[in-house]
Protein backbone atom coordinates (compact mmCIF):
# COMPACT_ATOMS: atom_id res chain seq x y z
CA MET A 1 103.93 80.23 93.57
CA ARG A 2 104.94 83.14 91.39
CA VAL A 3 104.03 86.48 93.15
CA ALA A 4 104.23 89.87 91.53
CA LEU A 5 104.27 92.62 93.82
CA ILE A 6 103.63 96.49 92.85
CA THR A 7 103.89 99.13 95.61
CA GLU A 8 103.61 102.99 95.98
CA SER A 9 106.44 102.89 98.48
CA PHE A 10 109.56 101.12 98.85
CA LEU A 11 113.24 101.67 99.96
CA PRO A 12 115.13 103.87 100.40
CA THR A 13 111.68 105.47 101.70
CA VAL A 14 110.82 104.25 105.16
CA SER A 15 107.07 103.70 105.85
CA GLY A 16 104.62 101.26 106.98
CA VAL A 17 103.95 100.26 103.37
CA THR A 18 107.67 99.66 102.66
CA THR A 19 108.09 97.45 105.75
CA SER A 20 105.11 95.23 104.89
CA VAL A 21 106.28 94.67 101.40
CA CYS A 22 109.98 93.85 102.66
CA LYS A 23 108.56 91.43 105.11
CA VAL A 24 106.49 89.82 102.49
CA LEU A 25 109.37 89.42 100.07
CA GLU A 26 111.65 88.10 103.01
CA HIS A 27 108.94 85.42 103.73
CA LEU A 28 108.40 84.63 100.07
CA ALA A 29 112.07 83.93 99.60
CA ARG A 30 112.31 81.80 102.94
CA THR A 31 109.38 79.71 101.81
CA GLY A 32 110.60 78.81 98.32
CA HIS A 33 108.37 81.17 96.18
CA GLU A 34 109.20 83.22 93.33
CA ALA A 35 108.59 87.01 93.35
CA MET A 36 109.30 90.25 91.62
CA LEU A 37 108.50 93.69 92.68
CA ILE A 38 107.52 96.95 90.63
CA ALA A 39 108.16 100.18 92.63
CA PRO A 40 108.88 103.78 92.20
CA SER A 41 112.20 105.02 90.88
CA GLY A 42 115.09 105.22 93.48
CA ALA A 43 114.48 101.62 94.83
CA PRO A 44 117.43 99.15 95.01
CA ALA A 45 117.83 96.71 92.04
CA GLU A 46 116.92 93.74 94.01
CA TYR A 47 115.53 92.68 97.42
CA ALA A 48 115.56 89.40 99.13
CA GLY A 49 117.02 88.06 96.10
CA PHE A 50 114.21 89.15 93.99
CA PRO A 51 114.23 91.60 91.13
CA VAL A 52 113.02 94.98 91.60
CA HIS A 53 111.81 96.97 88.65
CA SER A 54 111.74 100.78 88.92
CA VAL A 55 109.13 103.01 87.10
CA PRO A 56 109.27 106.83 86.86
CA ALA A 57 108.18 108.78 89.88
CA LEU A 58 107.48 112.22 91.09
CA SER A 59 108.26 113.67 94.51
CA TYR A 60 105.49 114.69 96.90
CA ARG A 61 106.26 115.82 100.38
CA GLN A 62 109.67 113.90 100.34
CA PHE A 63 107.92 110.54 98.99
CA PRO A 64 108.55 109.32 95.51
CA VAL A 65 105.01 108.62 93.83
CA GLY A 66 105.08 105.91 91.32
CA MET A 67 103.48 107.06 87.97
CA PRO A 68 101.82 104.88 85.53
CA SER A 69 104.08 103.34 82.98
CA PRO A 70 104.04 101.36 79.79
CA HIS A 71 106.25 98.95 81.26
CA VAL A 72 103.95 97.60 83.91
CA HIS A 73 101.99 95.42 81.55
CA ARG A 74 105.18 94.06 79.93
CA LEU A 75 106.83 93.21 83.20
CA LEU A 76 103.69 91.31 84.26
CA ALA A 77 103.35 89.49 81.13
CA GLU A 78 107.18 88.42 81.04
CA PHE A 79 107.08 87.44 84.73
CA GLY A 80 103.86 85.42 84.37
CA PRO A 81 102.69 85.52 88.02
CA ASP A 82 99.97 83.39 89.77
CA VAL A 83 98.90 86.37 91.67
CA LEU A 84 99.42 90.12 91.96
CA HIS A 85 100.04 91.83 95.45
CA ALA A 86 99.08 95.62 95.04
CA ALA A 87 100.54 97.26 98.23
CA SER A 88 98.52 100.49 99.18
CA PRO A 89 97.56 100.94 95.52
CA PHE A 90 97.13 104.51 94.07
CA LEU A 91 98.24 105.55 90.55
CA LEU A 92 100.92 102.82 90.02
CA GLY A 93 98.95 100.13 91.84
CA ALA A 94 95.77 100.91 90.05
CA GLN A 95 97.64 100.42 86.69
CA GLY A 96 99.10 97.09 88.16
CA ILE A 97 95.41 95.84 89.03
CA ALA A 98 94.16 96.82 85.43
CA ALA A 99 96.99 95.30 83.87
CA ALA A 100 96.52 91.89 85.77
CA ASN A 101 92.87 91.84 84.84
CA ARG A 102 93.62 92.02 81.22
CA GLN A 103 95.96 89.23 81.62
CA GLY A 104 93.67 87.15 83.66
CA ILE A 105 95.82 87.40 86.77
CA PRO A 106 94.03 87.28 90.14
CA SER A 107 94.96 90.33 92.39
CA VAL A 108 95.09 91.25 96.30
CA ALA A 109 94.98 94.96 97.23
CA VAL A 110 96.12 95.99 100.59
CA PHE A 111 94.46 99.09 101.83
CA GLN A 112 96.87 101.07 104.11
CA THR A 113 95.95 104.93 103.47
CA ASP A 114 93.43 106.78 105.69
CA VAL A 115 91.62 108.81 102.92
CA ALA A 116 88.97 109.89 105.00
CA GLY A 117 91.28 111.32 107.76
CA TYR A 118 93.49 113.00 105.18
CA ALA A 119 90.26 114.60 103.74
CA ARG A 120 89.04 115.80 106.95
CA ARG A 121 92.39 117.27 108.02
CA ASN A 122 92.84 119.09 104.68
CA LYS A 123 89.17 120.29 104.66
CA LEU A 124 88.79 118.84 100.96
CA GLY A 125 85.00 118.95 100.84
CA GLN A 126 83.85 117.58 97.74
CA ALA A 127 87.20 116.34 96.77
CA ALA A 128 87.01 113.90 99.40
CA ASN A 129 84.17 112.34 97.77
CA ALA A 130 86.08 112.19 94.62
CA ALA A 131 88.95 110.52 96.44
CA TRP A 132 86.82 107.94 97.89
CA ARG A 133 85.24 107.25 94.44
CA PHE A 134 88.72 106.54 93.07
CA VAL A 135 89.52 104.38 96.10
CA LYS A 136 86.39 102.21 95.41
CA TRP A 137 87.36 102.15 91.63
CA VAL A 138 90.81 100.92 92.37
CA HIS A 139 89.79 98.28 94.86
CA GLU A 140 86.76 96.92 93.08
CA GLY A 141 89.34 95.94 90.57
CA ALA A 142 90.78 93.43 92.82
CA ASP A 143 89.74 90.12 93.57
CA LEU A 144 90.24 90.81 97.19
CA THR A 145 91.08 93.68 99.38
CA LEU A 146 92.78 93.22 102.74
CA VAL A 147 92.19 95.88 105.43
CA PRO A 148 94.12 96.24 108.71
CA SER A 149 91.39 97.35 111.05
CA THR A 150 87.75 97.32 111.83
CA ALA A 151 87.88 101.11 111.03
CA SER A 152 89.22 100.62 107.77
CA MET A 153 86.60 97.95 107.20
CA HIS A 154 83.88 100.40 108.11
CA ASP A 155 85.16 102.98 105.63
CA LEU A 156 85.37 100.81 102.70
CA ARG A 157 82.22 99.18 103.24
CA ARG A 158 80.47 102.61 103.74
CA VAL A 159 81.59 103.73 100.07
CA GLY A 160 80.70 100.34 98.70
CA VAL A 161 83.80 98.21 98.31
CA ARG A 162 82.93 94.63 98.45
CA ARG A 163 85.31 91.57 98.67
CA LEU A 164 86.92 92.50 102.00
CA ALA A 165 89.05 90.55 104.55
CA ARG A 166 91.05 91.45 107.72
CA TRP A 167 94.94 91.18 107.32
CA THR A 168 96.96 92.47 110.24
CA ARG A 169 100.64 93.24 110.44
CA GLY A 170 103.31 91.30 111.98
CA VAL A 171 105.88 92.43 114.48
CA ASP A 172 109.47 91.49 115.32
CA LEU A 173 109.13 89.81 118.59
CA VAL A 174 112.90 88.99 118.95
CA GLY A 175 114.12 92.36 118.10
CA TYR A 176 111.61 94.35 120.10
CA HIS A 177 111.60 92.82 123.58
CA PRO A 178 111.40 93.76 127.31
CA ASN A 179 114.69 91.99 128.10
CA ARG A 180 116.53 94.37 125.94
CA ARG A 181 116.11 97.26 128.71
CA GLY A 182 119.15 95.49 130.41
CA ASP A 183 121.50 95.76 127.45
CA PRO A 184 124.46 98.19 127.92
CA ALA A 185 123.63 100.12 124.78
CA VAL A 186 120.19 100.88 126.17
CA ALA A 187 121.49 101.62 129.51
CA ALA A 188 123.89 104.17 127.99
CA LEU A 189 120.89 105.73 125.89
CA ARG A 190 118.78 105.85 128.98
CA ARG A 191 121.24 107.95 130.75
CA ARG A 192 121.30 110.37 127.85
CA LEU A 193 117.66 110.51 127.74
CA ALA A 194 116.84 110.76 131.34
CA PRO A 195 119.95 111.78 133.31
CA ASN A 196 117.95 112.34 136.52
CA GLY A 197 115.86 109.17 136.18
CA GLU A 198 112.84 110.89 134.55
CA VAL A 199 109.99 108.97 132.79
CA VAL A 200 110.81 108.80 129.10
CA VAL A 201 107.81 109.17 126.77
CA GLY A 202 108.78 108.23 123.51
CA TYR A 203 107.46 108.51 119.62
CA VAL A 204 108.50 106.64 116.63
CA GLY A 205 107.39 107.39 113.21
CA ARG A 206 107.39 109.88 110.37
CA MET A 207 107.45 113.62 111.21
CA ALA A 208 104.45 114.44 108.77
CA PRO A 209 101.34 116.33 109.15
CA GLU A 210 99.05 113.33 109.50
CA LYS A 211 101.02 111.95 112.37
CA GLN A 212 100.26 115.17 114.45
CA VAL A 213 103.42 115.14 116.54
CA GLU A 214 102.78 118.71 117.28
CA ARG A 215 100.26 117.55 120.03
CA PHE A 216 103.17 116.52 122.16
CA ARG A 217 103.00 120.19 123.31
CA ALA A 218 100.06 119.22 125.41
CA LEU A 219 102.74 117.37 127.75
CA ARG A 220 104.51 120.73 128.44
CA GLY A 221 104.97 121.05 132.23
CA VAL A 222 104.00 117.44 132.98
CA PRO A 223 106.34 116.73 136.06
CA GLY A 224 109.05 114.08 135.89
CA ILE A 225 109.03 113.40 132.19
CA ARG A 226 111.35 113.87 129.12
CA LEU A 227 110.41 113.32 125.45
CA ALA A 228 112.44 111.25 122.94
CA LEU A 229 111.36 111.42 119.35
CA VAL A 230 112.41 109.01 116.79
CA GLY A 231 111.95 109.82 112.97
CA ASP A 232 112.49 112.48 110.41
CA GLY A 233 110.06 114.13 107.73
CA PRO A 234 108.83 117.59 106.62
CA SER A 235 107.17 118.41 109.74
CA VAL A 236 110.26 118.71 111.76
CA PRO A 237 110.59 122.48 111.77
CA SER A 238 106.91 123.05 112.84
CA ILE A 239 107.11 120.39 115.67
CA ARG A 240 110.53 122.00 116.78
CA ARG A 241 108.52 125.30 117.13
CA GLU A 242 105.69 123.85 119.02
CA LEU A 243 107.94 121.89 121.51
CA ALA A 244 110.53 124.66 121.82
CA GLY A 245 111.64 124.86 125.59
CA MET A 246 110.38 121.31 126.46
CA PRO A 247 112.84 118.48 127.49
CA VAL A 248 113.05 116.95 124.09
CA THR A 249 115.80 114.64 122.71
CA TRP A 250 115.64 114.22 119.02
CA LEU A 251 117.02 110.78 117.86
CA GLY A 252 116.47 111.32 114.05
CA ARG A 253 115.85 108.17 111.94
CA LEU A 254 116.54 104.89 113.41
CA ALA A 255 116.31 101.32 112.20
CA GLY A 256 117.47 97.69 113.30
CA PRO A 257 119.35 97.37 116.65
CA GLU A 258 119.44 101.26 117.07
CA LEU A 259 115.67 101.32 116.75
CA ALA A 260 115.20 98.48 119.04
CA ALA A 261 117.33 100.06 121.55
CA ALA A 262 115.29 103.20 121.43
CA TYR A 263 112.05 101.43 122.17
CA ALA A 264 113.69 99.62 125.22
CA SER A 265 114.74 102.80 126.44
CA PHE A 266 111.21 104.41 126.71
CA ASP A 267 108.84 104.04 129.71
CA ILE A 268 105.70 105.17 127.79
CA PHE A 269 104.83 105.22 124.01
CA VAL A 270 102.53 107.84 122.68
CA HIS A 271 101.05 108.12 119.18
CA ALA A 272 99.06 111.22 118.76
CA GLY A 273 97.82 111.00 115.13
CA THR A 274 94.12 110.04 114.55
CA GLU A 275 94.62 108.87 110.85
CA GLU A 276 96.36 105.52 111.26
CA THR A 277 94.60 102.64 109.59
CA PHE A 278 96.84 100.21 111.63
CA GLY A 279 99.42 101.60 113.93
CA GLN A 280 102.62 99.35 113.34
CA THR A 281 104.82 101.25 115.91
CA ILE A 282 102.04 100.74 118.46
CA GLN A 283 102.57 96.79 117.88
CA GLU A 284 106.32 97.30 118.18
CA ALA A 285 106.06 99.23 121.42
CA HIS A 286 103.62 96.53 122.56
CA ALA A 287 106.37 93.91 121.77
CA ALA A 288 109.04 95.90 123.65
CA GLY A 289 106.77 95.77 126.67
CA LEU A 290 105.64 99.43 126.64
CA PRO A 291 102.17 100.86 127.64
CA VAL A 292 100.74 102.80 124.87
CA VAL A 293 98.83 105.97 124.67
CA ALA A 294 96.88 106.68 121.48
CA PRO A 295 93.74 108.37 120.20
CA HIS A 296 90.45 106.32 120.23
CA ALA A 297 90.41 106.32 116.36
CA GLY A 298 91.23 104.19 113.42
CA GLY A 299 93.70 101.29 113.82
CA PRO A 300 94.70 102.03 117.45
CA ILE A 301 91.24 101.04 118.43
CA ASP A 302 92.07 97.31 117.66
CA LEU A 303 95.54 97.47 119.27
CA VAL A 304 95.07 99.40 122.40
CA GLU A 305 92.49 97.94 125.13
CA HIS A 306 91.81 100.93 127.19
CA GLY A 307 92.88 100.27 130.66
CA GLU A 308 94.61 96.82 129.97
CA ASN A 309 97.69 97.62 127.82
CA GLY A 310 97.35 101.28 127.51
CA LEU A 311 95.14 104.30 127.36
CA LEU A 312 92.95 105.64 124.62
CA PHE A 313 92.17 109.40 124.62
CA THR A 314 89.36 111.46 123.02
CA PRO A 315 90.69 112.33 119.44
CA ASP A 316 91.58 115.95 119.13
CA ASP A 317 91.34 116.58 122.89
CA GLU A 318 94.92 117.36 123.91
CA ARG A 319 93.81 117.94 127.58
CA ASP A 320 92.87 114.27 127.52
CA LEU A 321 96.25 113.21 126.06
CA ARG A 322 97.84 115.02 128.66
CA ARG A 323 95.76 113.32 131.46
CA CYS A 324 96.55 109.78 130.04
CA VAL A 325 100.18 110.53 129.91
CA SER A 326 100.43 111.99 133.34
CA ARG A 327 98.42 109.05 134.83
CA LEU A 328 101.18 106.45 133.41
CA ALA A 329 103.82 108.82 134.32
CA ALA A 330 103.04 108.83 137.93
CA ASP A 331 102.33 105.23 138.40
CA ALA A 332 105.41 102.79 137.65
CA GLN A 333 103.25 99.81 138.71
CA LEU A 334 100.64 100.66 136.21
CA ARG A 335 103.26 101.10 133.56
CA HIS A 336 104.53 97.55 134.26
CA ARG A 337 101.32 95.87 134.19
CA MET A 338 100.08 97.36 131.02
CA GLY A 339 103.41 96.65 129.40
CA GLU A 340 103.22 93.09 130.24
CA ALA A 341 99.61 93.05 128.75
CA GLY A 342 100.87 94.65 125.68
CA ARG A 343 103.66 92.17 125.12
CA ARG A 344 101.24 89.14 125.85
CA GLY A 345 98.77 90.66 123.28
CA VAL A 346 101.10 90.46 120.30
CA LEU A 347 102.78 87.07 120.82
CA GLY A 348 100.69 85.65 118.09
CA ARG A 349 101.57 88.28 115.59
CA SER A 350 104.96 87.33 114.34
CA TRP A 351 105.64 88.09 110.73
CA GLU A 352 105.82 84.45 109.79
CA ASN A 353 102.25 83.86 111.08
CA VAL A 354 100.97 86.95 109.60
CA CYS A 355 102.58 86.19 106.17
CA GLY A 356 101.54 82.68 106.18
CA THR A 357 97.84 84.11 106.44
CA LEU A 358 98.85 86.17 103.56
CA LEU A 359 99.67 83.26 101.34
CA ASP A 360 96.34 81.68 102.29
CA TYR A 361 94.67 84.72 100.82
CA TYR A 362 96.75 84.34 97.61
CA ASP A 363 95.74 80.82 97.41
CA GLN A 364 91.81 81.93 97.93
CA VAL A 365 91.95 84.35 95.00
CA VAL A 366 93.88 82.05 92.78
CA ASP A 367 91.38 79.15 93.51
CA GLU A 368 88.34 81.29 93.12
CA ARG A 369 89.64 82.87 89.70
CA SER A 370 90.25 79.07 88.67
CA ALA A 371 86.75 78.13 89.63
CA VAL A 372 85.28 80.94 87.47
CA ARG A 373 87.27 80.06 84.42
CA ALA A 374 86.24 76.37 84.89
CA THR A 375 82.45 77.57 85.04
CA VAL A 376 83.00 79.62 81.87
CA SER A 377 84.50 76.91 79.95
CA VAL A 378 81.70 74.33 80.64
CA PRO A 379 79.14 74.35 77.71
CA LEU A 380 75.92 75.99 78.84
CA SER A 381 73.86 72.74 78.19
CA MET A 382 76.10 70.94 80.74
CA GLN A 383 75.55 73.43 83.37
CA ARG A 384 71.80 72.73 83.59
């Protein structure tokens, strides 16, 4: 199969969208398919052996935002894909879907942005309705929209988007593993993070307003804990102000073995943001055998089973966040039990399995578009 991907985010930018696109390209390479990628400027010239075509971009909050480009139509026409994969489509992705439709190419759009949450936090009012109308317009152009969670499914159905299906995300079950806690590098990091044997409460992700990392201030004074924060972004100064005086280790942006070591050094994983359409780092924490504390909102609702593999706190209630973390910090056996349950829950979510499901969706839209063409080509007299 020939697959064209168009994405609003790619390397060197680190995000959930970037990770998913990279994993899809790697899977396509391993399974013998052909692919090409259209991405905002600054991307590498190739990835996984496939060409990456850059288009002009503007910078927004340290993110390059791909702009519509006349090259998109030409690139699709020259490559001649069987299907277009639009990752978190916005301006660039919308153009890609429209160009694919003009060329008779079926498309799959992957929804990954919580428009509703962003609108609520920024008090956009009527602008939020306009944003949802734009989202509906973009996704109605695709043959199929894949959503990561039941919350996302509800949001899109509410605004009238049809042709929806669930597609979760994969997780590296080898890189993130409870056994890594015994590695010398992890032991050394533990000594750095918790020199007196404290419980390490960790976070991994972008330091941006929608992640609401400032809410870790609710943990001030909880006995026997230390915080470890992995990531970077525009909110670092405000987070530092909110957490001033707390026992925090800033680990910066990590990837690969260093990120796996960080997860293995944590005792509890906390995600405080209420705007996640999925929650990839929650899956990674589960794979590493960690209990998770997250809000009862958005994607985490599908990933955290309250009382089984973690605890869900009432959104926007920092006292409840504190209660959940305090409960886990005081009970090592509970942490262990929930961590084991979390690991068991993600064992079927390898990237190999998840990308295999994605290829099935590709086949589905290709077959459906072919069936429509066949029906149209049959003379009306023969259809009676």
